[in-house]
Amino acid sequence: MSVQYNIELAPLAQRQLKKLPKQLQKDIIKNLENLNPKISNLGIKKLSGMDDLYRLRVGDYRVIYKIQHNILLILVLKIGHRKDIYNNLNSLINKLI
């Protein structure tokens, strides 16, 4: 039996998702719903130097998320184009800690 993680979007990620084209929004949501932290998926990469932070690739877009295993939660922090997504990531993480 597989353990089900809840998925939440931080306010910033919600705003970023709403600005994207509808089809891309659907693709991102579909990929998030199919996430399983216990299984290695293609397009998912642990961010080096960041505790429990991961990147999901959806075309040219990236979804940065944190896994909180103790409460079975995937918290989406940021969604954006691959050329911009990593800008100011450290300051975002520091605000969350």
PDB file of N, CA and C in Angstrom:
ATOM      1  N   MET A   1       0.840  -1.194   0.000  1.00  0.00           N
ATOM      2  CA  MET A   1       0.000   0.000   0.000  1.00  0.00           C
ATOM      3  C   MET A   1       0.879   1.248   0.000  1.00  0.00           C
ATOM      4  N   SER A   2       0.576   2.171  -0.870  1.00  0.00           N
ATOM      5  CA  SER A   2       1.349   3.394  -1.036  1.00  0.00           C
ATOM      6  C   SER A   2       0.833   4.489  -0.107  1.00  0.00           C
ATOM      7  N   VAL A   3       1.761   5.230   0.480  1.00  0.00           N
ATOM      8  CA  VAL A   3       1.399   6.351   1.350  1.00  0.00           C
ATOM      9  C   VAL A   3       1.122   7.563   0.470  1.00  0.00           C
ATOM     10  N   GLN A   4       0.023   8.245   0.711  1.00  0.00           N
ATOM     11  CA  GLN A   4      -0.375   9.403  -0.088  1.00  0.00           C
ATOM     12  C   GLN A   4       0.104  10.695   0.572  1.00  0.00           C
ATOM     13  N   TYR A   5       0.856  11.488  -0.169  1.00  0.00           N
ATOM     14  CA  TYR A   5       1.305  12.796   0.298  1.00  0.00           C
ATOM     15  C   TYR A   5       0.311  13.859  -0.159  1.00  0.00           C
ATOM     16  N   ASN A   6       0.052  14.837   0.685  1.00  0.00           N
ATOM     17  CA  ASN A   6      -0.759  15.990   0.297  1.00  0.00           C
ATOM     18  C   ASN A   6       0.129  16.977  -0.439  1.00  0.00           C
ATOM     19  N   ILE A   7      -0.457  17.712  -1.367  1.00  0.00           N
ATOM     20  CA  ILE A   7       0.280  18.723  -2.125  1.00  0.00           C
ATOM     21  C   ILE A   7      -0.332  20.085  -1.829  1.00  0.00           C
ATOM     22  N   GLU A   8       0.520  21.025  -1.418  1.00  0.00           N
ATOM     23  CA  GLU A   8       0.083  22.401  -1.171  1.00  0.00           C
ATOM     24  C   GLU A   8       0.967  23.343  -1.971  1.00  0.00           C
ATOM     25  N   LEU A   9       0.377  24.418  -2.447  1.00  0.00           N
ATOM     26  CA  LEU A   9       1.130  25.446  -3.145  1.00  0.00           C
ATOM     27  C   LEU A   9       1.262  26.660  -2.240  1.00  0.00           C
ATOM     28  N   ALA A  10       2.496  27.122  -2.069  1.00  0.00           N
ATOM     29  CA  ALA A  10       2.737  28.358  -1.324  1.00  0.00           C
ATOM     30  C   ALA A  10       2.073  29.499  -2.100  1.00  0.00           C
ATOM     31  N   PRO A  11       1.737  30.602  -1.426  1.00  0.00           N
ATOM     32  CA  PRO A  11       1.079  31.725  -2.120  1.00  0.00           C
ATOM     33  C   PRO A  11       1.829  32.192  -3.372  1.00  0.00           C
ATOM     34  N   LEU A  12       3.156  32.253  -3.307  1.00  0.00           N
ATOM     35  CA  LEU A  12       3.938  32.662  -4.475  1.00  0.00           C
ATOM     36  C   LEU A  12       3.728  31.685  -5.626  1.00  0.00           C
ATOM     37  N   ALA A  13       3.783  30.399  -5.350  1.00  0.00           N
ATOM     38  CA  ALA A  13       3.598  29.383  -6.386  1.00  0.00           C
ATOM     39  C   ALA A  13       2.190  29.446  -6.974  1.00  0.00           C
ATOM     40  N   GLN A  14       1.192  29.733  -6.149  1.00  0.00           N
ATOM     41  CA  GLN A  14      -0.185  29.874  -6.649  1.00  0.00           C
ATOM     42  C   GLN A  14      -0.276  31.018  -7.652  1.00  0.00           C
ATOM     43  N   ARG A  15       0.333  32.149  -7.308  1.00  0.00           N
ATOM     44  CA  ARG A  15       0.309  33.311  -8.211  1.00  0.00           C
ATOM     45  C   ARG A  15       1.050  32.998  -9.513  1.00  0.00           C
ATOM     46  N   GLN A  16       2.196  32.328  -9.389  1.00  0.00           N
ATOM     47  CA  GLN A  16       2.979  32.009 -10.579  1.00  0.00           C
ATOM     48  C   GLN A  16       2.233  31.039 -11.488  1.00  0.00           C
ATOM     49  N   LEU A  17       1.559  30.065 -10.909  1.00  0.00           N
ATOM     50  CA  LEU A  17       0.807  29.086 -11.692  1.00  0.00           C
ATOM     51  C   LEU A  17      -0.335  29.757 -12.450  1.00  0.00           C
ATOM     52  N   LYS A  18      -1.037  30.679 -11.809  1.00  0.00           N
ATOM     53  CA  LYS A  18      -2.181  31.359 -12.438  1.00  0.00           C
ATOM     54  C   LYS A  18      -1.771  32.193 -13.651  1.00  0.00           C
ATOM     55  N   LYS A  19      -0.516  32.647 -13.689  1.00  0.00           N
ATOM     56  CA  LYS A  19      -0.043  33.484 -14.789  1.00  0.00           C
ATOM     57  C   LYS A  19       0.311  32.672 -16.036  1.00  0.00           C
ATOM     58  N   LEU A  20       0.405  31.355 -15.903  1.00  0.00           N
ATOM     59  CA  LEU A  20       0.817  30.506 -17.018  1.00  0.00           C
ATOM     60  C   LEU A  20      -0.372  30.159 -17.911  1.00  0.00           C
ATOM     61  N   PRO A  21      -0.095  29.790 -19.181  1.00  0.00           N
ATOM     62  CA  PRO A  21      -1.180  29.346 -20.066  1.00  0.00           C
ATOM     63  C   PRO A  21      -1.924  28.145 -19.467  1.00  0.00           C
ATOM     64  N   LYS A  22      -3.212  28.048 -19.764  1.00  0.00           N
ATOM     65  CA  LYS A  22      -4.075  27.014 -19.166  1.00  0.00           C
ATOM     66  C   LYS A  22      -3.540  25.599 -19.388  1.00  0.00           C
ATOM     67  N   GLN A  23      -3.070  25.296 -20.601  1.00  0.00           N
ATOM     68  CA  GLN A  23      -2.581  23.934 -20.862  1.00  0.00           C
ATOM     69  C   GLN A  23      -1.349  23.629 -20.017  1.00  0.00           C
ATOM     70  N   LEU A  24      -0.467  24.595 -19.873  1.00  0.00           N
ATOM     71  CA  LEU A  24       0.719  24.405 -19.043  1.00  0.00           C
ATOM     72  C   LEU A  24       0.320  24.229 -17.581  1.00  0.00           C
ATOM     73  N   GLN A  25      -0.677  24.979 -17.121  1.00  0.00           N
ATOM     74  CA  GLN A  25      -1.184  24.803 -15.756  1.00  0.00           C
ATOM     75  C   GLN A  25      -1.652  23.367 -15.553  1.00  0.00           C
ATOM     76  N   LYS A  26      -2.412  22.853 -16.521  1.00  0.00           N
ATOM     77  CA  LYS A  26      -2.916  21.476 -16.427  1.00  0.00           C
ATOM     78  C   LYS A  26      -1.774  20.469 -16.401  1.00  0.00           C
ATOM     79  N   ASP A  27      -0.758  20.684 -17.243  1.00  0.00           N
ATOM     80  CA  ASP A  27       0.390  19.771 -17.284  1.00  0.00           C
ATOM     81  C   ASP A  27       1.129  19.759 -15.950  1.00  0.00           C
ATOM     82  N   ILE A  28       1.322  20.931 -15.369  1.00  0.00           N
ATOM     83  CA  ILE A  28       2.023  21.027 -14.087  1.00  0.00           C
ATOM     84  C   ILE A  28       1.217  20.344 -12.991  1.00  0.00           C
ATOM     85  N   ILE A  29      -0.078  20.597 -12.947  1.00  0.00           N
ATOM     86  CA  ILE A  29      -0.926  19.976 -11.923  1.00  0.00           C
ATOM     87  C   ILE A  29      -0.924  18.460 -12.074  1.00  0.00           C
ATOM     88  N   LYS A  30      -1.014  17.981 -13.317  1.00  0.00           N
ATOM     89  CA  LYS A  30      -0.989  16.531 -13.563  1.00  0.00           C
ATOM     90  C   LYS A  30       0.319  15.916 -13.061  1.00  0.00           C
ATOM     91  N   ASN A  31       1.441  16.574 -13.365  1.00  0.00           N
ATOM     92  CA  ASN A  31       2.740  16.076 -12.911  1.00  0.00           C
ATOM     93  C   ASN A  31       2.849  16.094 -11.394  1.00  0.00           C
ATOM     94  N   LEU A  32       2.322  17.126 -10.759  1.00  0.00           N
ATOM     95  CA  LEU A  32       2.353  17.197  -9.295  1.00  0.00           C
ATOM     96  C   LEU A  32       1.511  16.086  -8.679  1.00  0.00           C
ATOM     97  N   GLU A  33       0.352  15.825  -9.257  1.00  0.00           N
ATOM     98  CA  GLU A  33      -0.517  14.778  -8.722  1.00  0.00           C
ATOM     99  C   GLU A  33       0.109  13.392  -8.853  1.00  0.00           C
ATOM    100  N   ASN A  34       0.987  13.217  -9.840  1.00  0.00           N
ATOM    101  CA  ASN A  34       1.638  11.924 -10.055  1.00  0.00           C
ATOM    102  C   ASN A  34       2.935  11.764  -9.270  1.00  0.00           C
ATOM    103  N   LEU A  35       3.323  12.799  -8.525  1.00  0.00           N
ATOM    104  CA  LEU A  35       4.562  12.718  -7.740  1.00  0.00           C
ATOM    105  C   LEU A  35       4.444  11.660  -6.655  1.00  0.00           C
ATOM    106  N   ASN A  36       5.508  10.916  -6.486  1.00  0.00           N
ATOM    107  CA  ASN A  36       5.603   9.972  -5.380  1.00  0.00           C
ATOM    108  C   ASN A  36       7.015  10.093  -4.820  1.00  0.00           C
ATOM    109  N   PRO A  37       7.167  10.679  -3.636  1.00  0.00           N
ATOM    110  CA  PRO A  37       8.498  10.905  -3.067  1.00  0.00           C
ATOM    111  C   PRO A  37       9.303   9.626  -2.843  1.00  0.00           C
ATOM    112  N   LYS A  38       8.641   8.493  -2.782  1.00  0.00           N
ATOM    113  CA  LYS A  38       9.337   7.234  -2.518  1.00  0.00           C
ATOM    114  C   LYS A  38       9.863   6.580  -3.791  1.00  0.00           C
ATOM    115  N   ILE A  39       9.459   7.086  -4.961  1.00  0.00           N
ATOM    116  CA  ILE A  39       9.862   6.507  -6.237  1.00  0.00           C
ATOM    117  C   ILE A  39      10.633   7.554  -7.023  1.00  0.00           C
ATOM    118  N   SER A  40      11.755   7.140  -7.601  1.00  0.00           N
ATOM    119  CA  SER A  40      12.548   8.055  -8.414  1.00  0.00           C
ATOM    120  C   SER A  40      11.869   8.233  -9.773  1.00  0.00           C
ATOM    121  N   ASN A  41      11.488   9.454 -10.093  1.00  0.00           N
ATOM    122  CA  ASN A  41      10.823   9.761 -11.359  1.00  0.00           C
ATOM    123  C   ASN A  41      11.772  10.517 -12.276  1.00  0.00           C
ATOM    124  N   LEU A  42      11.591  10.338 -13.577  1.00  0.00           N
ATOM    125  CA  LEU A  42      12.343  11.141 -14.532  1.00  0.00           C
ATOM    126  C   LEU A  42      11.874  12.580 -14.428  1.00  0.00           C
ATOM    127  N   GLY A  43      12.783  13.509 -14.608  1.00  0.00           N
ATOM    128  CA  GLY A  43      12.416  14.916 -14.532  1.00  0.00           C
ATOM    129  C   GLY A  43      12.486  15.481 -13.129  1.00  0.00           C
ATOM    130  N   ILE A  44      12.797  14.621 -12.147  1.00  0.00           N
ATOM    131  CA  ILE A  44      12.906  15.084 -10.763  1.00  0.00           C
ATOM    132  C   ILE A  44      14.370  15.024 -10.348  1.00  0.00           C
ATOM    133  N   LYS A  45      14.812  16.093  -9.721  1.00  0.00           N
ATOM    134  CA  LYS A  45      16.211  16.161  -9.304  1.00  0.00           C
ATOM    135  C   LYS A  45      16.276  16.845  -7.944  1.00  0.00           C
ATOM    136  N   LYS A  46      17.061  16.284  -7.036  1.00  0.00           N
ATOM    137  CA  LYS A  46      17.288  16.924  -5.740  1.00  0.00           C
ATOM    138  C   LYS A  46      18.231  18.094  -5.974  1.00  0.00           C
ATOM    139  N   LEU A  47      17.903  19.245  -5.408  1.00  0.00           N
ATOM    140  CA  LEU A  47      18.756  20.419  -5.578  1.00  0.00           C
ATOM    141  C   LEU A  47      19.946  20.315  -4.638  1.00  0.00           C
ATOM    142  N   SER A  48      21.130  20.447  -5.185  1.00  0.00           N
ATOM    143  CA  SER A  48      22.336  20.300  -4.374  1.00  0.00           C
ATOM    144  C   SER A  48      22.444  21.440  -3.370  1.00  0.00           C
ATOM    145  N   GLY A  49      22.847  21.091  -2.164  1.00  0.00           N
ATOM    146  CA  GLY A  49      23.027  22.070  -1.109  1.00  0.00           C
ATOM    147  C   GLY A  49      21.736  22.523  -0.448  1.00  0.00           C
ATOM    148  N   MET A  50      20.627  21.939  -0.823  1.00  0.00           N
ATOM    149  CA  MET A  50      19.332  22.329  -0.264  1.00  0.00           C
ATOM    150  C   MET A  50      18.682  21.102   0.373  1.00  0.00           C
ATOM    151  N   ASP A  51      18.375  21.173   1.657  1.00  0.00           N
ATOM    152  CA  ASP A  51      17.745  20.049   2.341  1.00  0.00           C
ATOM    153  C   ASP A  51      16.322  19.837   1.853  1.00  0.00           C
ATOM    154  N   ASP A  52      16.040  18.651   1.394  1.00  0.00           N
ATOM    155  CA  ASP A  52      14.691  18.239   0.988  1.00  0.00           C
ATOM    156  C   ASP A  52      14.059  19.128  -0.077  1.00  0.00           C
ATOM    157  N   LEU A  53      14.868  19.805  -0.889  1.00  0.00           N
ATOM    158  CA  LEU A  53      14.331  20.602  -1.993  1.00  0.00           C
ATOM    159  C   LEU A  53      14.564  19.868  -3.303  1.00  0.00           C
ATOM    160  N   TYR A  54      13.528  19.861  -4.126  1.00  0.00           N
ATOM    161  CA  TYR A  54      13.580  19.134  -5.383  1.00  0.00           C
ATOM    162  C   TYR A  54      13.070  20.009  -6.510  1.00  0.00           C
ATOM    163  N   ARG A  55      13.427  19.591  -7.728  1.00  0.00           N
ATOM    164  CA  ARG A  55      13.000  20.280  -8.933  1.00  0.00           C
ATOM    165  C   ARG A  55      12.267  19.275  -9.817  1.00  0.00           C
ATOM    166  N   LEU A  56      11.092  19.658 -10.276  1.00  0.00           N
ATOM    167  CA  LEU A  56      10.316  18.868 -11.223  1.00  0.00           C
ATOM    168  C   LEU A  56      10.360  19.595 -12.559  1.00  0.00           C
ATOM    169  N   ARG A  57      10.691  18.870 -13.615  1.00  0.00           N
ATOM    170  CA  ARG A  57      10.771  19.465 -14.951  1.00  0.00           C
ATOM    171  C   ARG A  57       9.470  19.201 -15.701  1.00  0.00           C
ATOM    172  N   VAL A  58       8.869  20.269 -16.216  1.00  0.00           N
ATOM    173  CA  VAL A  58       7.665  20.172 -17.046  1.00  0.00           C
ATOM    174  C   VAL A  58       7.929  21.033 -18.280  1.00  0.00           C
ATOM    175  N   GLY A  59       8.438  20.423 -19.335  1.00  0.00           N
ATOM    176  CA  GLY A  59       8.828  21.177 -20.530  1.00  0.00           C
ATOM    177  C   GLY A  59       9.943  22.145 -20.185  1.00  0.00           C
ATOM    178  N   ASP A  60       9.765  23.411 -20.541  1.00  0.00           N
ATOM    179  CA  ASP A  60      10.764  24.440 -20.236  1.00  0.00           C
ATOM    180  C   ASP A  60      10.548  25.061 -18.863  1.00  0.00           C
ATOM    181  N   TYR A  61       9.600  24.546 -18.120  1.00  0.00           N
ATOM    182  CA  TYR A  61       9.275  25.091 -16.801  1.00  0.00           C
ATOM    183  C   TYR A  61       9.751  24.164 -15.697  1.00  0.00           C
ATOM    184  N   ARG A  62       9.995  24.765 -14.543  1.00  0.00           N
ATOM    185  CA  ARG A  62      10.459  24.016 -13.381  1.00  0.00           C
ATOM    186  C   ARG A  62       9.551  24.320 -12.202  1.00  0.00           C
ATOM    187  N   VAL A  63       9.368  23.297 -11.376  1.00  0.00           N
ATOM    188  CA  VAL A  63       8.592  23.422 -10.148  1.00  0.00           C
ATOM    189  C   VAL A  63       9.546  23.083  -9.014  1.00  0.00           C
ATOM    190  N   ILE A  64       9.756  24.014  -8.101  1.00  0.00           N
ATOM    191  CA  ILE A  64      10.621  23.793  -6.944  1.00  0.00           C
ATOM    192  C   ILE A  64       9.721  23.447  -5.767  1.00  0.00           C
ATOM    193  N   TYR A  65      10.026  22.329  -5.116  1.00  0.00           N
ATOM    194  CA  TYR A  65       9.181  21.910  -4.002  1.00  0.00           C
ATOM    195  C   TYR A  65      10.003  21.298  -2.881  1.00  0.00           C
ATOM    196  N   LYS A  66       9.397  21.272  -1.713  1.00  0.00           N
ATOM    197  CA  LYS A  66      10.018  20.726  -0.510  1.00  0.00           C
ATOM    198  C   LYS A  66       9.168  19.556  -0.043  1.00  0.00           C
ATOM    199  N   ILE A  67       9.835  18.480   0.343  1.00  0.00           N
ATOM    200  CA  ILE A  67       9.127  17.318   0.878  1.00  0.00           C
ATOM    201  C   ILE A  67       9.258  17.330   2.393  1.00  0.00           C
ATOM    202  N   GLN A  68       8.121  17.276   3.064  1.00  0.00           N
ATOM    203  CA  GLN A  68       8.097  17.191   4.526  1.00  0.00           C
ATOM    204  C   GLN A  68       7.542  15.810   4.877  1.00  0.00           C
ATOM    205  N   HIS A  69       8.474  14.861   5.010  1.00  0.00           N
ATOM    206  CA  HIS A  69       8.090  13.459   5.220  1.00  0.00           C
ATOM    207  C   HIS A  69       7.325  13.254   6.525  1.00  0.00           C
ATOM    208  N   ASN A  70       7.671  14.021   7.555  1.00  0.00           N
ATOM    209  CA  ASN A  70       7.042  13.814   8.868  1.00  0.00           C
ATOM    210  C   ASN A  70       5.539  14.094   8.861  1.00  0.00           C
ATOM    211  N   ILE A  71       5.080  14.967   7.956  1.00  0.00           N
ATOM    212  CA  ILE A  71       3.639  15.257   7.887  1.00  0.00           C
ATOM    213  C   ILE A  71       3.051  14.888   6.519  1.00  0.00           C
ATOM    214  N   LEU A  72       3.814  14.122   5.735  1.00  0.00           N
ATOM    215  CA  LEU A  72       3.361  13.644   4.420  1.00  0.00           C
ATOM    216  C   LEU A  72       2.879  14.788   3.529  1.00  0.00           C
ATOM    217  N   LEU A  73       3.757  15.786   3.351  1.00  0.00           N
ATOM    218  CA  LEU A  73       3.394  16.981   2.598  1.00  0.00           C
ATOM    219  C   LEU A  73       4.443  17.297   1.542  1.00  0.00           C
ATOM    220  N   ILE A  74       3.968  17.646   0.352  1.00  0.00           N
ATOM    221  CA  ILE A  74       4.809  18.214  -0.697  1.00  0.00           C
ATOM    222  C   ILE A  74       4.383  19.673  -0.820  1.00  0.00           C
ATOM    223  N   LEU A  75       5.294  20.583  -0.485  1.00  0.00           N
ATOM    224  CA  LEU A  75       5.001  22.013  -0.520  1.00  0.00           C
ATOM    225  C   LEU A  75       5.683  22.629  -1.737  1.00  0.00           C
ATOM    226  N   VAL A  76       4.885  23.093  -2.691  1.00  0.00           N
ATOM    227  CA  VAL A  76       5.407  23.727  -3.900  1.00  0.00           C
ATOM    228  C   VAL A  76       5.748  25.171  -3.553  1.00  0.00           C
ATOM    229  N   LEU A  77       7.009  25.531  -3.764  1.00  0.00           N
ATOM    230  CA  LEU A  77       7.496  26.851  -3.376  1.00  0.00           C
ATOM    231  C   LEU A  77       7.513  27.849  -4.523  1.00  0.00           C
ATOM    232  N   LYS A  78       7.878  27.365  -5.722  1.00  0.00           N
ATOM    233  CA  LYS A  78       8.095  28.287  -6.829  1.00  0.00           C
ATOM    234  C   LYS A  78       7.858  27.553  -8.144  1.00  0.00           C
ATOM    235  N   ILE A  79       7.266  28.246  -9.121  1.00  0.00           N
ATOM    236  CA  ILE A  79       7.027  27.705 -10.454  1.00  0.00           C
ATOM    237  C   ILE A  79       7.467  28.762 -11.452  1.00  0.00           C
ATOM    238  N   GLY A  80       8.288  28.367 -12.430  1.00  0.00           N
ATOM    239  CA  GLY A  80       8.714  29.352 -13.415  1.00  0.00           C
ATOM    240  C   GLY A  80       9.516  28.751 -14.544  1.00  0.00           C
ATOM    241  N   HIS A  81       9.852  29.606 -15.506  1.00  0.00           N
ATOM    242  CA  HIS A  81      10.652  29.193 -16.654  1.00  0.00           C
ATOM    243  C   HIS A  81      12.050  28.815 -16.188  1.00  0.00           C
ATOM    244  N   ARG A  82      12.648  27.878 -16.875  1.00  0.00           N
ATOM    245  CA  ARG A  82      13.956  27.360 -16.448  1.00  0.00           C
ATOM    246  C   ARG A  82      15.037  28.430 -16.389  1.00  0.00           C
ATOM    247  N   LYS A  83      14.909  29.494 -17.195  1.00  0.00           N
ATOM    248  CA  LYS A  83      15.950  30.526 -17.178  1.00  0.00           C
ATOM    249  C   LYS A  83      15.840  31.445 -15.960  1.00  0.00           C
ATOM    250  N   ASP A  84      14.663  31.470 -15.317  1.00  0.00           N
ATOM    251  CA  ASP A  84      14.438  32.385 -14.199  1.00  0.00           C
ATOM    252  C   ASP A  84      14.251  31.704 -12.849  1.00  0.00           C
ATOM    253  N   ILE A  85      13.950  30.432 -12.845  1.00  0.00           N
ATOM    254  CA  ILE A  85      13.466  29.764 -11.634  1.00  0.00           C
ATOM    255  C   ILE A  85      14.463  29.797 -10.477  1.00  0.00           C
ATOM    256  N   TYR A  86      15.743  29.760 -10.782  1.00  0.00           N
ATOM    257  CA  TYR A  86      16.733  29.675  -9.705  1.00  0.00           C
ATOM    258  C   TYR A  86      17.154  31.040  -9.165  1.00  0.00           C
ATOM    259  N   ASN A  87      16.697  32.128  -9.814  1.00  0.00           N
ATOM    260  CA  ASN A  87      16.989  33.475  -9.311  1.00  0.00           C
ATOM    261  C   ASN A  87      16.317  33.663  -7.956  1.00  0.00           C
ATOM    262  N   ASN A  88      17.044  34.188  -7.017  1.00  0.00           N
ATOM    263  CA  ASN A  88      16.526  34.506  -5.675  1.00  0.00           C
ATOM    264  C   ASN A  88      15.994  33.291  -4.917  1.00  0.00           C
ATOM    265  N   LEU A  89      16.405  32.103  -5.295  1.00  0.00           N
ATOM    266  CA  LEU A  89      15.925  30.899  -4.616  1.00  0.00           C
ATOM    267  C   LEU A  89      16.419  30.852  -3.173  1.00  0.00           C
ATOM    268  N   ASN A  90      17.669  31.241  -2.947  1.00  0.00           N
ATOM    269  CA  ASN A  90      18.203  31.217  -1.580  1.00  0.00           C
ATOM    270  C   ASN A  90      17.450  32.166  -0.657  1.00  0.00           C
ATOM    271  N   SER A  91      17.103  33.360  -1.143  1.00  0.00           N
ATOM    272  CA  SER A  91      16.368  34.299  -0.286  1.00  0.00           C
ATOM    273  C   SER A  91      14.963  33.780   0.005  1.00  0.00           C
ATOM    274  N   LEU A  92      14.349  33.097  -0.951  1.00  0.00           N
ATOM    275  CA  LEU A  92      13.034  32.498  -0.724  1.00  0.00           C
ATOM    276  C   LEU A  92      13.117  31.424   0.354  1.00  0.00           C
ATOM    277  N   ILE A  93      14.139  30.605   0.289  1.00  0.00           N
ATOM    278  CA  ILE A  93      14.318  29.533   1.270  1.00  0.00           C
ATOM    279  C   ILE A  93      14.552  30.123   2.653  1.00  0.00           C
ATOM    280  N   ASN A  94      15.360  31.172   2.737  1.00  0.00           N
ATOM    281  CA  ASN A  94      15.635  31.797   4.034  1.00  0.00           C
ATOM    282  C   ASN A  94      14.373  32.374   4.664  1.00  0.00           C
ATOM    283  N   LYS A  95      13.447  32.873   3.855  1.00  0.00           N
ATOM    284  CA  LYS A  95      12.184  33.395   4.384  1.00  0.00           C
ATOM    285  C   LYS A  95      11.326  32.280   4.966  1.00  0.00           C
ATOM    286  N   LEU A  96      11.436  31.099   4.389  1.00  0.00           N
ATOM    287  CA  LEU A  96      10.610  29.975   4.835  1.00  0.00           C
ATOM    288  C   LEU A  96      11.156  29.298   6.080  1.00  0.00           C
ATOM    289  N   ILE A  97      12.424  29.509   6.355  1.00  0.00           N
ATOM    290  CA  ILE A  97      13.051  28.834   7.512  1.00  0.00           C
ATOM    291  C   ILE A  97      12.875  29.644   8.765  1.00  0.00           C
TER     292      ILE A  97
END
